[in-house]
Amino acid sequence: MELEFGNLLAVCAVAFVVPLTLGLAPRVRLPAVVLEIVAGIVVGPDVLGWVSVDEPVAVLSLLGLSVLLFLAGLEVDFAMLRGRLLRLALVGFAASFALALLVGLLLQMAGSVKSMVFVAVVLSATSLGVVIPVLKDSGLSASRYGQLVIAAASIADVATILLLSLLFSEESTGTGAKLFLIGGLAAFAIAVVAAVVAAERSMRFGAVLVRLQDTTAQIRVRGAFLLLVGFAAIAQSLGLEVILGAFIAGALLSVLDKDREMTHPQFREKLDAIGYGVFIPVFFVTSGLRFDLDALTESSSALARVPLLLLALLLVRGAPALLYRGYLRDDRQTIAAGLLQATSLPFIVAATQIGLTLDLLSGATAAGLVAAGLLSVLIFPIVAGFMVPKART
């Protein structure tokens, strides 16, 4: 079968034009991810009809989602998740999930969804990949406030991905069997860590890595993608979600990659360049192509769900930040932490696609959730930035 690359060409063109347009208009404080999805909606089947999702686009989009979750896992600093910080993050997520279950129950009673637990999982996530750049750009990632937000977002990312894979995988395996499979995946991860640590003790092996890391071999980058694809493939073969395998691969690399400042300081930059320069934009533009605009606009009630779902995100993830008042410096930081916690989009996009496949929510609700996620990325980080000014340099 001969593959056609016309649709992929259009997707790549949109991915190129969006950041260039934002770069030419620096006063427009709009996250690129929002405009990428909106542009995908405009050129997609529901508006102009210029581009559709075919096999090449679908494959690169899935790779983009996997790389996005891989890089999110790479951002998790496990050394930071301890003591009072870990307790606050865990209690905050527990409060979020309890509120999310209440919102899910209301939506289920209204007939918008078939599983209140599924909606609770979707609403409980935070976009770690969006939050960390915001904190880094403001010079606050190492502050008390920044560390708490990153810890809370990390817990939310890990927990929601695990819950989604455990409870709502597309495979029909029971929950007990899935727990066993996740345990097997974790055991494999531990075995990989042990093998890599043993290899790192070999001076010859380490010297070869250093010698090949900046040549055309790019051995560390190849190793990272071997880890990503390997864990994604294993997760899929076990009947778990690919995103779980991708996230675990990134978290595993975060644990293993301890001496990056000493021997390979450009390694993370290379992974970011490949991820955000190639694969991830394809995922977001394709998410726009798949966005069911007709379902969202077919009735006023469907459209009215968007602000309600945005409010639900703010309530579920923002309200538990009140628990941080005794830890943070002032109420402005507490409010800003709540706003950043309520920022969520990539997980919503991925989860709603699974929900539609499993017939757990309507097309209108799925589109409403993605629209609410778009607005959260557009509004909440900007407001949080005004609440907590940039650190002085």
Protein backbone atom coordinates (compact mmCIF):
# COMPACT_ATOMS: atom_id res chain seq x y z
CA MET A 1 0.00 0.00 0.00
CA GLU A 2 1.39 3.38 -1.03
CA LEU A 3 1.24 6.02 1.70
CA GLU A 4 0.20 9.58 0.95
CA PHE A 5 2.03 12.40 2.72
CA GLY A 6 -0.15 15.35 1.70
CA ASN A 7 -2.03 15.53 5.00
CA LEU A 8 1.19 15.14 7.00
CA LEU A 9 2.75 17.95 4.96
CA ALA A 10 -0.17 20.21 5.88
CA VAL A 11 0.10 19.28 9.57
CA CYS A 12 3.84 20.03 9.56
CA ALA A 13 3.19 23.34 7.81
CA VAL A 14 0.70 24.35 10.51
CA ALA A 15 3.18 23.29 13.20
CA PHE A 16 5.81 25.54 11.57
CA VAL A 17 3.61 28.57 10.96
CA VAL A 18 2.07 28.74 14.46
CA PRO A 19 5.22 29.50 16.51
CA LEU A 20 6.55 31.70 13.72
CA THR A 21 3.37 33.76 13.83
CA LEU A 22 3.58 34.07 17.61
CA GLY A 23 7.23 35.05 17.30
CA LEU A 24 6.32 37.86 14.89
CA ALA A 25 3.73 39.12 17.41
CA PRO A 26 5.55 38.95 20.77
CA ARG A 27 2.87 40.98 22.54
CA VAL A 28 0.34 38.20 21.98
CA ARG A 29 0.64 36.11 25.14
CA LEU A 30 -0.88 32.96 23.71
CA PRO A 31 0.59 29.48 24.37
CA ALA A 32 1.62 27.83 21.11
CA VAL A 33 -0.21 24.61 22.04
CA VAL A 34 -3.54 26.45 22.08
CA LEU A 35 -3.01 27.98 18.65
CA GLU A 36 -1.80 24.63 17.26
CA ILE A 37 -5.05 22.94 18.29
CA VAL A 38 -7.18 25.84 17.09
CA ALA A 39 -5.35 25.87 13.73
CA GLY A 40 -5.96 22.12 13.45
CA ILE A 41 -9.67 22.71 14.04
CA VAL A 42 -9.77 25.41 11.35
CA VAL A 43 -8.04 23.39 8.61
CA GLY A 44 -9.73 20.14 9.70
CA PRO A 45 -12.89 18.39 8.53
CA ASP A 46 -15.35 20.46 10.62
CA VAL A 47 -14.33 23.89 9.21
CA LEU A 48 -12.30 24.26 6.00
CA GLY A 49 -11.93 20.54 5.31
CA TRP A 50 -8.43 20.88 3.90
CA VAL A 51 -6.74 18.24 6.08
CA SER A 52 -7.81 14.90 7.54
CA VAL A 53 -6.20 12.26 9.74
CA ASP A 54 -4.76 9.42 7.67
CA GLU A 55 -2.26 6.71 8.61
CA PRO A 56 0.99 8.76 8.50
CA VAL A 57 -0.62 11.57 10.53
CA ALA A 58 -2.09 9.10 13.04
CA VAL A 59 1.25 7.31 13.59
CA LEU A 60 3.24 10.52 14.11
CA SER A 61 0.49 11.86 16.36
CA LEU A 62 0.70 8.77 18.58
CA LEU A 63 4.47 9.17 18.69
CA GLY A 64 3.97 12.83 19.62
CA LEU A 65 1.72 11.91 22.52
CA SER A 66 4.21 9.28 23.69
CA VAL A 67 7.13 11.73 23.52
CA LEU A 68 5.09 14.34 25.39
CA LEU A 69 4.40 11.92 28.25
CA PHE A 70 8.02 10.74 28.13
CA LEU A 71 9.28 14.30 28.60
CA ALA A 72 6.71 14.87 31.35
CA GLY A 73 8.04 11.81 33.18
CA LEU A 74 11.56 13.13 32.67
CA GLU A 75 10.61 16.31 34.55
CA VAL A 76 9.62 14.43 37.72
CA ASP A 77 12.26 15.03 40.40
CA PHE A 78 11.84 12.09 42.77
CA ALA A 79 14.46 13.46 45.16
CA MET A 80 12.14 16.39 45.78
CA LEU A 81 9.10 14.22 46.55
CA ARG A 82 9.64 13.68 50.26
CA GLY A 83 8.83 15.09 53.68
CA ARG A 84 6.22 17.79 54.13
CA LEU A 85 6.27 18.65 50.42
CA LEU A 86 5.24 15.11 49.48
CA ARG A 87 2.55 15.00 52.19
CA LEU A 88 1.02 18.29 51.00
CA ALA A 89 1.05 17.14 47.37
CA LEU A 90 -0.57 13.81 48.25
CA VAL A 91 -3.25 15.35 50.47
CA GLY A 92 -3.94 17.98 47.80
CA PHE A 93 -4.43 15.32 45.14
CA ALA A 94 -6.69 13.27 47.41
CA ALA A 95 -8.85 16.35 47.96
CA SER A 96 -8.87 17.00 44.20
CA PHE A 97 -10.00 13.48 43.41
CA ALA A 98 -12.78 13.64 46.00
CA LEU A 99 -14.07 16.89 44.46
CA ALA A 100 -13.70 15.38 40.97
CA LEU A 101 -15.84 12.40 41.95
CA LEU A 102 -18.57 14.79 43.06
CA VAL A 103 -18.41 16.67 39.73
CA GLY A 104 -18.41 13.35 37.85
CA LEU A 105 -21.48 12.22 39.78
CA LEU A 106 -23.34 15.39 38.79
CA LEU A 107 -22.39 14.92 35.12
CA GLN A 108 -23.46 11.29 35.23
CA MET A 109 -26.80 12.25 36.74
CA ALA A 110 -27.22 14.80 33.93
CA GLY A 111 -26.61 12.06 31.34
CA SER A 112 -23.42 13.62 29.91
CA VAL A 113 -21.14 10.75 30.89
CA LYS A 114 -21.46 7.06 31.69
CA SER A 115 -18.71 6.88 34.31
CA MET A 116 -18.23 9.47 37.03
CA VAL A 117 -14.87 7.86 37.90
CA PHE A 118 -13.59 8.42 34.35
CA VAL A 119 -14.47 12.12 34.54
CA ALA A 120 -12.86 12.33 37.98
CA VAL A 121 -9.61 10.98 36.56
CA VAL A 122 -9.70 13.45 33.65
CA LEU A 123 -10.40 16.47 35.86
CA SER A 124 -7.73 15.54 38.43
CA ALA A 125 -4.77 15.94 36.05
CA THR A 126 -2.33 18.84 35.80
CA SER A 127 -0.20 19.57 32.73
CA LEU A 128 3.31 19.21 34.12
CA GLY A 129 4.69 19.94 30.65
CA VAL A 130 2.89 23.32 30.64
CA VAL A 131 3.49 24.26 34.28
CA ILE A 132 7.26 23.71 34.38
CA PRO A 133 8.08 26.05 31.44
CA VAL A 134 5.94 28.75 33.07
CA LEU A 135 7.85 28.42 36.35
CA LYS A 136 11.22 28.25 34.59
CA ASP A 137 10.52 31.32 32.48
CA SER A 138 9.59 33.28 35.60
CA GLY A 139 12.67 32.11 37.51
CA LEU A 140 10.53 30.50 40.23
CA SER A 141 11.06 26.78 39.59
CA ALA A 142 13.59 26.48 42.43
CA SER A 143 11.57 28.57 44.91
CA ARG A 144 9.45 27.15 47.73
CA TYR A 145 6.33 28.04 45.73
CA GLY A 146 7.68 26.54 42.49
CA GLN A 147 8.82 23.31 44.11
CA LEU A 148 5.41 22.75 45.70
CA VAL A 149 3.58 23.36 42.41
CA ILE A 150 5.93 20.98 40.57
CA ALA A 151 5.52 18.33 43.28
CA ALA A 152 1.72 18.60 43.16
CA ALA A 153 1.69 18.48 39.35
CA SER A 154 4.03 15.46 39.38
CA ILE A 155 1.78 13.55 41.79
CA ALA A 156 -1.27 14.42 39.68
CA ASP A 157 0.45 13.29 36.47
CA VAL A 158 1.61 9.98 37.92
CA ALA A 159 -1.68 9.21 39.67
CA THR A 160 -4.01 10.04 36.78
CA ILE A 161 -1.97 8.11 34.22
CA LEU A 162 -1.91 5.07 36.52
CA LEU A 163 -5.63 5.34 37.21
CA LEU A 164 -6.47 5.73 33.53
CA SER A 165 -4.41 2.66 32.62
CA LEU A 166 -5.71 0.65 35.57
CA LEU A 167 -9.40 1.41 35.24
CA PHE A 168 -10.01 2.42 31.63
CA SER A 169 -7.57 0.64 29.35
CA GLU A 170 -9.06 -0.32 25.98
CA GLU A 171 -8.33 -3.95 26.82
CA SER A 172 -11.05 -5.82 28.71
CA THR A 173 -8.69 -7.27 31.35
CA GLY A 174 -10.00 -7.08 34.92
CA THR A 175 -8.68 -4.61 37.48
CA GLY A 176 -6.85 -7.30 39.47
CA ALA A 177 -5.10 -8.54 36.34
CA LYS A 178 -4.15 -4.99 35.39
CA LEU A 179 -2.67 -4.43 38.84
CA PHE A 180 -0.58 -7.55 38.31
CA LEU A 181 0.51 -6.31 34.87
CA ILE A 182 1.43 -2.86 36.21
CA GLY A 183 3.43 -4.60 38.93
CA GLY A 184 5.19 -6.60 36.23
CA LEU A 185 5.96 -3.40 34.31
CA ALA A 186 7.35 -1.82 37.49
CA ALA A 187 9.49 -4.91 38.15
CA PHE A 188 10.86 -4.68 34.61
CA ALA A 189 11.67 -1.00 35.21
CA ILE A 190 13.59 -1.92 38.38
CA ALA A 191 15.50 -4.57 36.43
CA VAL A 192 16.41 -1.98 33.79
CA VAL A 193 17.63 0.41 36.49
CA ALA A 194 19.80 -2.33 38.02
CA ALA A 195 21.25 -3.25 34.63
CA VAL A 196 22.04 0.36 33.71
CA VAL A 197 23.58 1.11 37.12
CA ALA A 198 25.79 -1.98 36.77
CA ALA A 199 26.84 -0.88 33.28
CA GLU A 200 27.61 2.66 34.48
CA ARG A 201 30.11 1.25 36.96
CA SER A 202 32.17 0.08 34.02
CA MET A 203 34.64 2.86 33.19
CA ARG A 204 34.98 1.54 29.66
CA PHE A 205 31.22 1.68 29.05
CA GLY A 206 31.01 5.22 30.44
CA ALA A 207 33.92 6.38 28.31
CA VAL A 208 32.25 4.99 25.18
CA LEU A 209 29.01 6.83 26.00
CA VAL A 210 30.86 10.12 26.42
CA ARG A 211 32.80 9.59 23.19
CA LEU A 212 29.67 8.80 21.13
CA GLN A 213 27.15 11.21 22.69
CA ASP A 214 27.96 14.20 20.45
CA THR A 215 28.93 12.37 17.27
CA THR A 216 26.55 11.25 14.53
CA ALA A 217 25.84 8.24 16.76
CA GLN A 218 24.05 10.50 19.32
CA ILE A 219 24.13 7.43 21.52
CA ARG A 220 22.31 8.91 24.53
CA VAL A 221 19.43 10.17 22.37
CA ARG A 222 19.15 6.77 20.70
CA GLY A 223 19.18 5.10 24.09
CA ALA A 224 16.42 7.42 25.35
CA PHE A 225 14.18 6.58 22.38
CA LEU A 226 14.94 2.89 22.77
CA LEU A 227 13.73 3.22 26.36
CA LEU A 228 10.61 5.15 25.28
CA VAL A 229 9.57 2.79 22.49
CA GLY A 230 10.51 -0.27 24.54
CA PHE A 231 8.32 0.62 27.50
CA ALA A 232 5.47 1.81 25.25
CA ALA A 233 5.58 -1.50 23.35
CA ILE A 234 5.70 -3.55 26.56
CA ALA A 235 2.79 -1.61 28.07
CA GLN A 236 0.74 -2.16 24.92
CA SER A 237 1.57 -5.87 24.80
CA LEU A 238 0.40 -6.18 28.42
CA GLY A 239 -2.93 -4.54 27.55
CA LEU A 240 -2.03 -1.25 29.29
CA GLU A 241 -2.07 2.25 27.84
CA VAL A 242 0.91 3.31 25.73
CA ILE A 243 1.08 6.61 27.61
CA LEU A 244 1.76 4.73 30.85
CA GLY A 245 4.79 3.03 29.31
CA ALA A 246 6.02 6.33 27.86
CA PHE A 247 5.64 8.14 31.18
CA ILE A 248 7.43 5.37 33.09
CA ALA A 249 10.29 5.49 30.56
CA GLY A 250 10.72 9.23 31.14
CA ALA A 251 10.54 8.86 34.93
CA LEU A 252 13.05 6.02 34.75
CA LEU A 253 15.47 8.14 32.75
CA SER A 254 15.03 10.94 35.30
CA VAL A 255 16.19 8.51 38.01
CA LEU A 256 19.12 7.21 35.98
CA ASP A 257 20.34 10.51 34.54
CA LYS A 258 22.05 11.95 37.62
CA ASP A 259 25.37 13.22 36.25
CA ARG A 260 24.05 15.20 33.28
CA GLU A 261 25.68 18.47 34.37
CA MET A 262 29.06 16.72 34.57
CA THR A 263 29.26 14.65 31.38
CA HIS A 264 26.34 15.48 29.05
CA PRO A 265 24.72 18.87 29.82
CA GLN A 266 23.10 19.11 26.34
CA PHE A 267 21.29 15.77 26.49
CA ARG A 268 17.98 17.14 27.80
CA GLU A 269 18.11 20.00 25.29
CA LYS A 270 18.47 17.49 22.45
CA LEU A 271 15.45 15.52 23.66
CA ASP A 272 13.41 18.73 23.96
CA ALA A 273 14.47 19.75 20.45
CA ILE A 274 13.37 16.43 18.98
CA GLY A 275 10.16 16.28 21.00
CA TYR A 276 8.94 19.86 20.72
CA GLY A 277 10.49 20.41 17.30
CA VAL A 278 9.15 17.31 15.54
CA PHE A 279 6.67 14.99 17.22
CA ILE A 280 4.70 16.92 19.85
CA PRO A 281 3.38 19.68 17.51
CA VAL A 282 2.01 16.95 15.21
CA PHE A 283 0.05 15.54 18.16
CA PHE A 284 -1.51 18.89 19.05
CA VAL A 285 -2.39 19.86 15.47
CA THR A 286 -3.88 16.39 14.96
CA SER A 287 -5.89 16.84 18.17
CA GLY A 288 -7.42 19.88 16.49
CA LEU A 289 -8.21 17.85 13.37
CA ARG A 290 -10.02 15.30 15.55
CA PHE A 291 -11.87 17.92 17.58
CA ASP A 292 -15.61 17.42 17.16
CA LEU A 293 -16.68 21.02 16.64
CA ASP A 294 -20.10 19.99 15.34
CA ALA A 295 -20.85 18.11 18.56
CA LEU A 296 -19.85 21.16 20.61
CA THR A 297 -21.91 23.65 18.61
CA GLU A 298 -24.94 21.51 17.78
CA SER A 299 -26.85 22.95 20.73
CA SER A 300 -26.62 25.83 23.17
CA SER A 301 -26.55 23.38 26.07
CA ALA A 302 -23.44 21.67 24.68
CA LEU A 303 -21.67 25.01 24.27
CA ALA A 304 -22.74 26.08 27.75
CA ARG A 305 -20.85 23.13 29.22
CA VAL A 306 -17.49 24.69 28.37
CA PRO A 307 -17.47 27.43 31.05
CA LEU A 308 -18.99 24.94 33.52
CA LEU A 309 -16.24 22.42 32.80
CA LEU A 310 -13.61 25.16 33.08
CA LEU A 311 -15.08 26.06 36.47
CA ALA A 312 -14.98 22.36 37.39
CA LEU A 313 -11.25 22.25 36.56
CA LEU A 314 -10.65 25.29 38.73
CA LEU A 315 -12.67 23.83 41.59
CA VAL A 316 -11.18 20.33 41.44
CA ARG A 317 -7.52 21.29 41.12
CA GLY A 318 -7.53 24.89 42.36
CA ALA A 319 -9.51 24.66 45.60
CA PRO A 320 -7.16 22.10 47.28
CA ALA A 321 -4.37 24.68 47.07
CA LEU A 322 -5.96 26.23 50.15
CA LEU A 323 -4.22 23.41 52.02
CA TYR A 324 -0.90 25.06 51.16
CA ARG A 325 -1.58 28.30 53.05
CA GLY A 326 0.60 27.36 55.99
CA TYR A 327 3.48 26.37 53.72
CA LEU A 328 3.58 29.22 51.19
CA ARG A 329 4.54 32.80 51.87
CA ASP A 330 1.21 34.55 51.27
CA ASP A 331 -2.28 34.16 49.85
CA ARG A 332 -1.20 35.40 46.41
CA GLN A 333 1.16 32.44 46.06
CA THR A 334 -1.59 30.10 47.24
CA ILE A 335 -4.02 31.40 44.61
CA ALA A 336 -1.33 31.22 41.91
CA ALA A 337 -0.51 27.64 42.91
CA GLY A 338 -4.18 26.71 42.56
CA LEU A 339 -4.39 28.31 39.11
CA LEU A 340 -1.31 26.47 37.86
CA GLN A 341 -2.61 23.18 39.28
CA ALA A 342 -5.85 23.72 37.36
CA THR A 343 -3.96 24.04 34.06
CA SER A 344 -4.54 20.88 32.06
CA LEU A 345 -4.68 19.99 28.38
CA PRO A 346 -2.49 17.15 26.98
CA PHE A 347 -3.88 14.55 29.38
CA ILE A 348 -7.44 15.74 28.71
CA VAL A 349 -6.91 15.36 24.96
CA ALA A 350 -5.47 11.85 25.33
CA ALA A 351 -8.03 10.70 27.91
CA THR A 352 -11.08 11.96 26.00
CA GLN A 353 -9.95 10.01 22.93
CA ILE A 354 -9.89 6.87 25.11
CA GLY A 355 -13.25 7.80 26.62
CA LEU A 356 -14.84 8.15 23.19
CA THR A 357 -13.41 4.79 22.10
CA LEU A 358 -14.86 3.10 25.19
CA ASP A 359 -18.17 5.03 24.86
CA LEU A 360 -17.77 6.54 28.34
CA LEU A 361 -18.80 10.08 27.35
CA SER A 362 -20.61 11.85 24.56
CA GLY A 363 -18.90 13.67 21.71
CA ALA A 364 -20.21 16.99 23.03
CA THR A 365 -18.79 16.36 26.51
CA ALA A 366 -15.44 15.27 25.07
CA ALA A 367 -15.25 18.42 22.94
CA GLY A 368 -16.32 20.51 25.94
CA LEU A 369 -13.55 19.03 28.10
CA VAL A 370 -10.90 19.76 25.46
CA ALA A 371 -12.25 23.30 25.01
CA ALA A 372 -12.12 23.83 28.78
CA GLY A 373 -8.53 22.54 28.77
CA LEU A 374 -7.65 25.00 26.01
CA LEU A 375 -9.07 27.86 28.05
CA SER A 376 -7.25 26.69 31.19
CA VAL A 377 -3.88 26.81 29.38
CA LEU A 378 -4.76 30.18 27.90
CA ILE A 379 -6.03 31.87 31.08
CA PHE A 380 -4.71 30.30 34.29
CA PRO A 381 -0.90 30.58 33.78
CA ILE A 382 -1.22 34.23 32.71
CA VAL A 383 -3.29 35.14 35.77
CA ALA A 384 -0.90 33.18 38.01
CA GLY A 385 1.99 35.16 36.53
CA PHE A 386 0.35 38.41 37.58
CA MET A 387 -0.26 37.03 41.06
CA VAL A 388 3.40 36.03 41.58
CA PRO A 389 5.90 38.31 39.75
CA LYS A 390 9.05 36.96 38.12
CA ALA A 391 12.06 36.39 40.31
CA ARG A 392 14.73 39.06 40.15
CA THR A 393 17.87 38.11 38.27
